Amino acid sequence: MILHLGNFKVSKDMVTDGKFNQKLPDIINGDFDCSRLKLTTLIGCPIKIKDSFRAFDNRLTNLEGGPIKVGKDYSINRNKILSLKGLPKKIKGS
């Protein structure tokens, strides 16, 4: 597993056609932000995020492929969510 210490912000060049175009770390030891990138899927996201997960203002319709553990907040507002399938069972924040 690949661990990234600290916060991780996905840049526009890491996304193609609404998908991540490269391997991301499996574990983020901080915040993970993939907002405002026109994402249509979370497949390829890190598995565990110690702090907050931010994926707002994208084109997501479900949460499949997203992290299974988030230590603080899980922000997905301003998407087109039709299903909560893939939402972690436990989120320690809001």
PDB file of N, CA and C in Angstrom:
ATOM      1  N   MET A   1       0.826  -1.183   0.000  1.00  0.00           N
ATOM      2  CA  MET A   1       0.000   0.000   0.000  1.00  0.00           C
ATOM      3  C   MET A   1       0.868   1.243   0.000  1.00  0.00           C
ATOM      4  N   ILE A   2       0.429   2.211  -0.743  1.00  0.00           N
ATOM      5  CA  ILE A   2       1.152   3.481  -0.824  1.00  0.00           C
ATOM      6  C   ILE A   2       0.530   4.461   0.171  1.00  0.00           C
ATOM      7  N   LEU A   3       1.358   5.042   1.036  1.00  0.00           N
ATOM      8  CA  LEU A   3       0.929   5.994   2.048  1.00  0.00           C
ATOM      9  C   LEU A   3       1.409   7.380   1.651  1.00  0.00           C
ATOM     10  N   HIS A   4       0.522   8.369   1.753  1.00  0.00           N
ATOM     11  CA  HIS A   4       0.907   9.760   1.504  1.00  0.00           C
ATOM     12  C   HIS A   4       0.764  10.520   2.810  1.00  0.00           C
ATOM     13  N   LEU A   5       1.849  11.064   3.307  1.00  0.00           N
ATOM     14  CA  LEU A   5       1.831  11.832   4.540  1.00  0.00           C
ATOM     15  C   LEU A   5       1.359  13.250   4.253  1.00  0.00           C
ATOM     16  N   GLY A   6       0.409  13.720   5.018  1.00  0.00           N
ATOM     17  CA  GLY A   6      -0.097  15.074   4.845  1.00  0.00           C
ATOM     18  C   GLY A   6      -1.291  15.151   3.909  1.00  0.00           C
ATOM     19  N   ASN A   7      -1.637  16.369   3.510  1.00  0.00           N
ATOM     20  CA  ASN A   7      -2.792  16.606   2.654  1.00  0.00           C
ATOM     21  C   ASN A   7      -2.473  16.307   1.195  1.00  0.00           C
ATOM     22  N   PHE A   8      -3.523  15.950   0.429  1.00  0.00           N
ATOM     23  CA  PHE A   8      -3.354  15.606  -0.983  1.00  0.00           C
ATOM     24  C   PHE A   8      -4.450  16.304  -1.785  1.00  0.00           C
ATOM     25  N   LYS A   9      -4.070  17.145  -2.732  1.00  0.00           N
ATOM     26  CA  LYS A   9      -4.999  17.849  -3.614  1.00  0.00           C
ATOM     27  C   LYS A   9      -4.806  17.327  -5.031  1.00  0.00           C
ATOM     28  N   VAL A  10      -5.883  16.769  -5.611  1.00  0.00           N
ATOM     29  CA  VAL A  10      -5.820  16.260  -6.976  1.00  0.00           C
ATOM     30  C   VAL A  10      -5.865  17.454  -7.931  1.00  0.00           C
ATOM     31  N   SER A  11      -4.951  17.488  -8.893  1.00  0.00           N
ATOM     32  CA  SER A  11      -4.927  18.580  -9.864  1.00  0.00           C
ATOM     33  C   SER A  11      -5.644  18.162 -11.150  1.00  0.00           C
ATOM     34  N   LYS A  12      -5.977  19.146 -11.981  1.00  0.00           N
ATOM     35  CA  LYS A  12      -6.718  18.894 -13.226  1.00  0.00           C
ATOM     36  C   LYS A  12      -5.987  17.929 -14.148  1.00  0.00           C
ATOM     37  N   ASP A  13      -4.668  17.954 -14.150  1.00  0.00           N
ATOM     38  CA  ASP A  13      -3.914  17.076 -15.045  1.00  0.00           C
ATOM     39  C   ASP A  13      -3.933  15.614 -14.584  1.00  0.00           C
ATOM     40  N   MET A  14      -4.507  15.349 -13.402  1.00  0.00           N
ATOM     41  CA  MET A  14      -4.602  13.982 -12.886  1.00  0.00           C
ATOM     42  C   MET A  14      -5.959  13.345 -13.212  1.00  0.00           C
ATOM     43  N   VAL A  15      -6.796  14.086 -13.984  1.00  0.00           N
ATOM     44  CA  VAL A  15      -8.129  13.624 -14.348  1.00  0.00           C
ATOM     45  C   VAL A  15      -8.333  13.761 -15.853  1.00  0.00           C
ATOM     46  N   THR A  16      -8.869  12.693 -16.462  1.00  0.00           N
ATOM     47  CA  THR A  16      -9.200  12.698 -17.888  1.00  0.00           C
ATOM     48  C   THR A  16     -10.593  12.099 -18.057  1.00  0.00           C
ATOM     49  N   ASP A  17     -11.445  12.766 -18.791  1.00  0.00           N
ATOM     50  CA  ASP A  17     -12.794  12.269 -19.066  1.00  0.00           C
ATOM     51  C   ASP A  17     -13.547  11.854 -17.794  1.00  0.00           C
ATOM     52  N   GLY A  18     -13.429  12.634 -16.741  1.00  0.00           N
ATOM     53  CA  GLY A  18     -14.165  12.379 -15.510  1.00  0.00           C
ATOM     54  C   GLY A  18     -13.600  11.290 -14.620  1.00  0.00           C
ATOM     55  N   LYS A  19     -12.390  10.786 -14.936  1.00  0.00           N
ATOM     56  CA  LYS A  19     -11.779   9.688 -14.175  1.00  0.00           C
ATOM     57  C   LYS A  19     -10.343  10.041 -13.807  1.00  0.00           C
ATOM     58  N   PHE A  20      -9.871   9.444 -12.713  1.00  0.00           N
ATOM     59  CA  PHE A  20      -8.464   9.597 -12.359  1.00  0.00           C
ATOM     60  C   PHE A  20      -7.630   8.892 -13.416  1.00  0.00           C
ATOM     61  N   ASN A  21      -6.595   9.529 -13.911  1.00  0.00           N
ATOM     62  CA  ASN A  21      -5.768   8.945 -14.971  1.00  0.00           C
ATOM     63  C   ASN A  21      -4.434   8.409 -14.471  1.00  0.00           C
ATOM     64  N   GLN A  22      -4.260   8.363 -13.158  1.00  0.00           N
ATOM     65  CA  GLN A  22      -3.033   7.820 -12.588  1.00  0.00           C
ATOM     66  C   GLN A  22      -3.321   7.205 -11.228  1.00  0.00           C
ATOM     67  N   LYS A  23      -2.417   6.394 -10.761  1.00  0.00           N
ATOM     68  CA  LYS A  23      -2.541   5.724  -9.466  1.00  0.00           C
ATOM     69  C   LYS A  23      -2.387   6.750  -8.353  1.00  0.00           C
ATOM     70  N   LEU A  24      -3.362   6.755  -7.441  1.00  0.00           N
ATOM     71  CA  LEU A  24      -3.302   7.634  -6.282  1.00  0.00           C
ATOM     72  C   LEU A  24      -2.880   6.817  -5.068  1.00  0.00           C
ATOM     73  N   PRO A  25      -2.370   7.469  -4.022  1.00  0.00           N
ATOM     74  CA  PRO A  25      -2.003   6.723  -2.810  1.00  0.00           C
ATOM     75  C   PRO A  25      -3.208   5.983  -2.238  1.00  0.00           C
ATOM     76  N   ASP A  26      -2.978   4.854  -1.588  1.00  0.00           N
ATOM     77  CA  ASP A  26      -4.043   4.073  -0.971  1.00  0.00           C
ATOM     78  C   ASP A  26      -4.511   4.697   0.343  1.00  0.00           C
ATOM     79  N   ILE A  27      -3.579   5.315   1.057  1.00  0.00           N
ATOM     80  CA  ILE A  27      -3.870   5.911   2.358  1.00  0.00           C
ATOM     81  C   ILE A  27      -3.360   7.349   2.372  1.00  0.00           C
ATOM     82  N   ILE A  28      -4.219   8.264   2.800  1.00  0.00           N
ATOM     83  CA  ILE A  28      -3.850   9.672   2.929  1.00  0.00           C
ATOM     84  C   ILE A  28      -3.834  10.006   4.412  1.00  0.00           C
ATOM     85  N   ASN A  29      -2.710  10.439   4.906  1.00  0.00           N
ATOM     86  CA  ASN A  29      -2.551  10.777   6.315  1.00  0.00           C
ATOM     87  C   ASN A  29      -2.802  12.285   6.496  1.00  0.00           C
ATOM     88  N   GLY A  30      -3.977  12.725   6.092  1.00  0.00           N
ATOM     89  CA  GLY A  30      -4.367  14.133   6.125  1.00  0.00           C
ATOM     90  C   GLY A  30      -5.675  14.266   5.364  1.00  0.00           C
ATOM     91  N   ASP A  31      -5.899  15.428   4.726  1.00  0.00           N
ATOM     92  CA  ASP A  31      -7.094  15.670   3.915  1.00  0.00           C
ATOM     93  C   ASP A  31      -6.868  15.227   2.473  1.00  0.00           C
ATOM     94  N   PHE A  32      -7.956  14.846   1.797  1.00  0.00           N
ATOM     95  CA  PHE A  32      -7.917  14.505   0.371  1.00  0.00           C
ATOM     96  C   PHE A  32      -8.968  15.354  -0.330  1.00  0.00           C
ATOM     97  N   ASP A  33      -8.555  16.100  -1.360  1.00  0.00           N
ATOM     98  CA  ASP A  33      -9.460  16.995  -2.063  1.00  0.00           C
ATOM     99  C   ASP A  33      -9.434  16.711  -3.564  1.00  0.00           C
ATOM    100  N   CYS A  34     -10.589  16.288  -4.084  1.00  0.00           N
ATOM    101  CA  CYS A  34     -10.736  16.075  -5.525  1.00  0.00           C
ATOM    102  C   CYS A  34     -11.965  16.841  -6.022  1.00  0.00           C
ATOM    103  N   SER A  35     -12.139  18.050  -5.524  1.00  0.00           N
ATOM    104  CA  SER A  35     -13.286  18.892  -5.861  1.00  0.00           C
ATOM    105  C   SER A  35     -13.058  19.652  -7.158  1.00  0.00           C
ATOM    106  N   ARG A  36     -14.197  20.017  -7.800  1.00  0.00           N
ATOM    107  CA  ARG A  36     -14.200  20.895  -8.987  1.00  0.00           C
ATOM    108  C   ARG A  36     -13.364  20.350 -10.149  1.00  0.00           C
ATOM    109  N   LEU A  37     -13.436  19.033 -10.373  1.00  0.00           N
ATOM    110  CA  LEU A  37     -12.641  18.428 -11.442  1.00  0.00           C
ATOM    111  C   LEU A  37     -13.503  17.720 -12.495  1.00  0.00           C
ATOM    112  N   LYS A  38     -14.834  17.872 -12.414  1.00  0.00           N
ATOM    113  CA  LYS A  38     -15.770  17.232 -13.343  1.00  0.00           C
ATOM    114  C   LYS A  38     -15.703  15.708 -13.276  1.00  0.00           C
ATOM    115  N   LEU A  39     -15.399  15.174 -12.085  1.00  0.00           N
ATOM    116  CA  LEU A  39     -15.334  13.725 -11.910  1.00  0.00           C
ATOM    117  C   LEU A  39     -16.715  13.106 -12.077  1.00  0.00           C
ATOM    118  N   THR A  40     -16.759  11.963 -12.749  1.00  0.00           N
ATOM    119  CA  THR A  40     -17.996  11.193 -12.884  1.00  0.00           C
ATOM    120  C   THR A  40     -17.916   9.894 -12.085  1.00  0.00           C
ATOM    121  N   THR A  41     -16.748   9.571 -11.560  1.00  0.00           N
ATOM    122  CA  THR A  41     -16.547   8.366 -10.755  1.00  0.00           C
ATOM    123  C   THR A  41     -15.474   8.614  -9.697  1.00  0.00           C
ATOM    124  N   LEU A  42     -15.586   7.873  -8.608  1.00  0.00           N
ATOM    125  CA  LEU A  42     -14.573   7.918  -7.553  1.00  0.00           C
ATOM    126  C   LEU A  42     -13.651   6.706  -7.613  1.00  0.00           C
ATOM    127  N   ILE A  43     -13.828   5.858  -8.600  1.00  0.00           N
ATOM    128  CA  ILE A  43     -12.963   4.680  -8.736  1.00  0.00           C
ATOM    129  C   ILE A  43     -11.512   5.140  -8.861  1.00  0.00           C
ATOM    130  N   GLY A  44     -10.668   4.562  -8.015  1.00  0.00           N
ATOM    131  CA  GLY A  44      -9.256   4.943  -7.987  1.00  0.00           C
ATOM    132  C   GLY A  44      -8.909   5.845  -6.813  1.00  0.00           C
ATOM    133  N   CYS A  45      -9.927   6.235  -6.028  1.00  0.00           N
ATOM    134  CA  CYS A  45      -9.683   7.067  -4.832  1.00  0.00           C
ATOM    135  C   CYS A  45      -8.867   6.289  -3.806  1.00  0.00           C
ATOM    136  N   PRO A  46      -8.249   7.009  -2.885  1.00  0.00           N
ATOM    137  CA  PRO A  46      -7.608   6.332  -1.763  1.00  0.00           C
ATOM    138  C   PRO A  46      -8.635   5.517  -0.971  1.00  0.00           C
ATOM    139  N   ILE A  47      -8.172   4.485  -0.302  1.00  0.00           N
ATOM    140  CA  ILE A  47      -9.049   3.612   0.480  1.00  0.00           C
ATOM    141  C   ILE A  47      -9.343   4.222   1.849  1.00  0.00           C
ATOM    142  N   LYS A  48      -8.320   4.804   2.466  1.00  0.00           N
ATOM    143  CA  LYS A  48      -8.466   5.380   3.799  1.00  0.00           C
ATOM    144  C   LYS A  48      -7.931   6.808   3.802  1.00  0.00           C
ATOM    145  N   ILE A  49      -8.692   7.691   4.445  1.00  0.00           N
ATOM    146  CA  ILE A  49      -8.291   9.089   4.572  1.00  0.00           C
ATOM    147  C   ILE A  49      -8.383   9.456   6.048  1.00  0.00           C
ATOM    148  N   LYS A  50      -7.260   9.862   6.627  1.00  0.00           N
ATOM    149  CA  LYS A  50      -7.218  10.133   8.065  1.00  0.00           C
ATOM    150  C   LYS A  50      -8.089  11.322   8.451  1.00  0.00           C
ATOM    151  N   ASP A  51      -8.117  12.354   7.634  1.00  0.00           N
ATOM    152  CA  ASP A  51      -8.877  13.550   7.970  1.00  0.00           C
ATOM    153  C   ASP A  51     -10.086  13.678   7.038  1.00  0.00           C
ATOM    154  N   SER A  52     -10.231  14.789   6.332  1.00  0.00           N
ATOM    155  CA  SER A  52     -11.435  15.055   5.536  1.00  0.00           C
ATOM    156  C   SER A  52     -11.310  14.619   4.077  1.00  0.00           C
ATOM    157  N   PHE A  53     -12.456  14.201   3.520  1.00  0.00           N
ATOM    158  CA  PHE A  53     -12.591  13.844   2.103  1.00  0.00           C
ATOM    159  C   PHE A  53     -13.475  14.897   1.453  1.00  0.00           C
ATOM    160  N   ARG A  54     -12.975  15.530   0.383  1.00  0.00           N
ATOM    161  CA  ARG A  54     -13.739  16.570  -0.307  1.00  0.00           C
ATOM    162  C   ARG A  54     -13.837  16.227  -1.796  1.00  0.00           C
ATOM    163  N   ALA A  55     -15.073  16.054  -2.241  1.00  0.00           N
ATOM    164  CA  ALA A  55     -15.319  15.764  -3.658  1.00  0.00           C
ATOM    165  C   ALA A  55     -16.524  16.572  -4.134  1.00  0.00           C
ATOM    166  N   PHE A  56     -16.622  17.808  -3.672  1.00  0.00           N
ATOM    167  CA  PHE A  56     -17.778  18.612  -4.037  1.00  0.00           C
ATOM    168  C   PHE A  56     -17.619  19.243  -5.419  1.00  0.00           C
ATOM    169  N   ASP A  57     -18.763  19.650  -5.980  1.00  0.00           N
ATOM    170  CA  ASP A  57     -18.808  20.348  -7.267  1.00  0.00           C
ATOM    171  C   ASP A  57     -18.186  19.519  -8.406  1.00  0.00           C
ATOM    172  N   ASN A  58     -18.627  18.251  -8.499  1.00  0.00           N
ATOM    173  CA  ASN A  58     -18.223  17.361  -9.587  1.00  0.00           C
ATOM    174  C   ASN A  58     -19.486  16.905 -10.321  1.00  0.00           C
ATOM    175  N   ARG A  59     -19.428  15.773 -10.985  1.00  0.00           N
ATOM    176  CA  ARG A  59     -20.572  15.224 -11.716  1.00  0.00           C
ATOM    177  C   ARG A  59     -20.883  13.801 -11.259  1.00  0.00           C
ATOM    178  N   LEU A  60     -20.670  13.537  -9.984  1.00  0.00           N
ATOM    179  CA  LEU A  60     -20.855  12.192  -9.434  1.00  0.00           C
ATOM    180  C   LEU A  60     -22.339  11.856  -9.308  1.00  0.00           C
ATOM    181  N   THR A  61     -22.691  10.612  -9.645  1.00  0.00           N
ATOM    182  CA  THR A  61     -24.063  10.131  -9.446  1.00  0.00           C
ATOM    183  C   THR A  61     -24.120   9.080  -8.335  1.00  0.00           C
ATOM    184  N   ASN A  62     -22.971   8.509  -7.951  1.00  0.00           N
ATOM    185  CA  ASN A  62     -22.890   7.560  -6.843  1.00  0.00           C
ATOM    186  C   ASN A  62     -21.517   7.682  -6.194  1.00  0.00           C
ATOM    187  N   LEU A  63     -21.304   6.929  -5.150  1.00  0.00           N
ATOM    188  CA  LEU A  63     -20.066   7.029  -4.375  1.00  0.00           C
ATOM    189  C   LEU A  63     -19.213   5.775  -4.461  1.00  0.00           C
ATOM    190  N   GLU A  64     -19.543   4.891  -5.389  1.00  0.00           N
ATOM    191  CA  GLU A  64     -18.774   3.656  -5.563  1.00  0.00           C
ATOM    192  C   GLU A  64     -17.334   3.978  -5.938  1.00  0.00           C
ATOM    193  N   GLY A  65     -16.421   3.244  -5.330  1.00  0.00           N
ATOM    194  CA  GLY A  65     -15.000   3.457  -5.592  1.00  0.00           C
ATOM    195  C   GLY A  65     -14.372   4.490  -4.677  1.00  0.00           C
ATOM    196  N   GLY A  66     -15.189   5.136  -3.859  1.00  0.00           N
ATOM    197  CA  GLY A  66     -14.671   6.137  -2.932  1.00  0.00           C
ATOM    198  C   GLY A  66     -14.031   5.495  -1.718  1.00  0.00           C
ATOM    199  N   PRO A  67     -13.511   6.301  -0.809  1.00  0.00           N
ATOM    200  CA  PRO A  67     -12.841   5.762   0.377  1.00  0.00           C
ATOM    201  C   PRO A  67     -13.795   4.969   1.263  1.00  0.00           C
ATOM    202  N   ILE A  68     -13.257   3.937   1.916  1.00  0.00           N
ATOM    203  CA  ILE A  68     -14.078   3.134   2.825  1.00  0.00           C
ATOM    204  C   ILE A  68     -13.963   3.623   4.266  1.00  0.00           C
ATOM    205  N   LYS A  69     -12.967   4.457   4.541  1.00  0.00           N
ATOM    206  CA  LYS A  69     -12.796   5.001   5.889  1.00  0.00           C
ATOM    207  C   LYS A  69     -12.362   6.462   5.782  1.00  0.00           C
ATOM    208  N   VAL A  70     -13.110   7.328   6.465  1.00  0.00           N
ATOM    209  CA  VAL A  70     -12.797   8.758   6.490  1.00  0.00           C
ATOM    210  C   VAL A  70     -12.813   9.200   7.950  1.00  0.00           C
ATOM    211  N   GLY A  71     -11.721   9.801   8.401  1.00  0.00           N
ATOM    212  CA  GLY A  71     -11.571  10.159   9.803  1.00  0.00           C
ATOM    213  C   GLY A  71     -12.308  11.407  10.241  1.00  0.00           C
ATOM    214  N   LYS A  72     -12.634  12.297   9.318  1.00  0.00           N
ATOM    215  CA  LYS A  72     -13.352  13.524   9.692  1.00  0.00           C
ATOM    216  C   LYS A  72     -14.521  13.718   8.734  1.00  0.00           C
ATOM    217  N   ASP A  73     -14.585  14.844   8.058  1.00  0.00           N
ATOM    218  CA  ASP A  73     -15.736  15.196   7.217  1.00  0.00           C
ATOM    219  C   ASP A  73     -15.699  14.536   5.848  1.00  0.00           C
ATOM    220  N   TYR A  74     -16.905  14.297   5.306  1.00  0.00           N
ATOM    221  CA  TYR A  74     -17.092  13.686   3.981  1.00  0.00           C
ATOM    222  C   TYR A  74     -17.971  14.652   3.199  1.00  0.00           C
ATOM    223  N   SER A  75     -17.382  15.442   2.296  1.00  0.00           N
ATOM    224  CA  SER A  75     -18.108  16.497   1.595  1.00  0.00           C
ATOM    225  C   SER A  75     -18.303  16.158   0.119  1.00  0.00           C
ATOM    226  N   ILE A  76     -19.579  15.989  -0.271  1.00  0.00           N
ATOM    227  CA  ILE A  76     -19.893  15.647  -1.664  1.00  0.00           C
ATOM    228  C   ILE A  76     -21.001  16.539  -2.220  1.00  0.00           C
ATOM    229  N   ASN A  77     -21.222  17.688  -1.600  1.00  0.00           N
ATOM    230  CA  ASN A  77     -22.282  18.567  -2.069  1.00  0.00           C
ATOM    231  C   ASN A  77     -21.996  19.076  -3.490  1.00  0.00           C
ATOM    232  N   ARG A  78     -23.046  19.528  -4.146  1.00  0.00           N
ATOM    233  CA  ARG A  78     -23.013  20.027  -5.531  1.00  0.00           C
ATOM    234  C   ARG A  78     -22.529  18.955  -6.517  1.00  0.00           C
ATOM    235  N   ASN A  79     -23.150  17.768  -6.411  1.00  0.00           N
ATOM    236  CA  ASN A  79     -22.976  16.679  -7.364  1.00  0.00           C
ATOM    237  C   ASN A  79     -24.368  16.268  -7.828  1.00  0.00           C
ATOM    238  N   LYS A  80     -24.479  15.182  -8.545  1.00  0.00           N
ATOM    239  CA  LYS A  80     -25.763  14.684  -9.040  1.00  0.00           C
ATOM    240  C   LYS A  80     -26.038  13.301  -8.437  1.00  0.00           C
ATOM    241  N   ILE A  81     -25.861  13.174  -7.130  1.00  0.00           N
ATOM    242  CA  ILE A  81     -25.942  11.894  -6.433  1.00  0.00           C
ATOM    243  C   ILE A  81     -27.351  11.295  -6.528  1.00  0.00           C
ATOM    244  N   LEU A  82     -27.414  10.077  -7.056  1.00  0.00           N
ATOM    245  CA  LEU A  82     -28.669   9.323  -7.162  1.00  0.00           C
ATOM    246  C   LEU A  82     -28.685   8.148  -6.189  1.00  0.00           C
ATOM    247  N   SER A  83     -27.502   7.730  -5.736  1.00  0.00           N
ATOM    248  CA  SER A  83     -27.373   6.580  -4.848  1.00  0.00           C
ATOM    249  C   SER A  83     -26.233   6.807  -3.871  1.00  0.00           C
ATOM    250  N   LEU A  84     -26.447   6.373  -2.633  1.00  0.00           N
ATOM    251  CA  LEU A  84     -25.394   6.463  -1.618  1.00  0.00           C
ATOM    252  C   LEU A  84     -24.570   5.186  -1.538  1.00  0.00           C
ATOM    253  N   LYS A  85     -24.757   4.293  -2.499  1.00  0.00           N
ATOM    254  CA  LYS A  85     -23.961   3.070  -2.546  1.00  0.00           C
ATOM    255  C   LYS A  85     -22.485   3.455  -2.630  1.00  0.00           C
ATOM    256  N   GLY A  86     -21.694   2.893  -1.741  1.00  0.00           N
ATOM    257  CA  GLY A  86     -20.264   3.218  -1.687  1.00  0.00           C
ATOM    258  C   GLY A  86     -19.917   4.167  -0.562  1.00  0.00           C
ATOM    259  N   LEU A  87     -20.927   4.732   0.114  1.00  0.00           N
ATOM    260  CA  LEU A  87     -20.677   5.619   1.241  1.00  0.00           C
ATOM    261  C   LEU A  87     -20.093   4.809   2.404  1.00  0.00           C
ATOM    262  N   PRO A  88     -19.037   5.298   3.048  1.00  0.00           N
ATOM    263  CA  PRO A  88     -18.484   4.554   4.191  1.00  0.00           C
ATOM    264  C   PRO A  88     -19.549   4.331   5.258  1.00  0.00           C
ATOM    265  N   LYS A  89     -19.468   3.205   5.962  1.00  0.00           N
ATOM    266  CA  LYS A  89     -20.431   2.900   7.013  1.00  0.00           C
ATOM    267  C   LYS A  89     -20.239   3.777   8.240  1.00  0.00           C
ATOM    268  N   LYS A  90     -19.021   4.288   8.403  1.00  0.00           N
ATOM    269  CA  LYS A  90     -18.743   5.133   9.559  1.00  0.00           C
ATOM    270  C   LYS A  90     -17.892   6.318   9.123  1.00  0.00           C
ATOM    271  N   ILE A  91     -18.379   7.507   9.443  1.00  0.00           N
ATOM    272  CA  ILE A  91     -17.657   8.749   9.186  1.00  0.00           C
ATOM    273  C   ILE A  91     -17.596   9.465  10.525  1.00  0.00           C
ATOM    274  N   LYS A  92     -16.401   9.844  10.965  1.00  0.00           N
ATOM    275  CA  LYS A  92     -16.276  10.430  12.295  1.00  0.00           C
ATOM    276  C   LYS A  92     -16.650  11.916  12.348  1.00  0.00           C
ATOM    277  N   GLY A  93     -16.804  12.556  11.207  1.00  0.00           N
ATOM    278  CA  GLY A  93     -17.200  13.966  11.169  1.00  0.00           C
ATOM    279  C   GLY A  93     -18.586  14.112  10.593  1.00  0.00           C
ATOM    280  N   SER A  94     -18.777  15.153   9.810  1.00  0.00           N
ATOM    281  CA  SER A  94     -20.098  15.381   9.207  1.00  0.00           C
ATOM    282  C   SER A  94     -20.123  14.999   7.741  1.00  0.00           C
TER     283      SER A  94
END
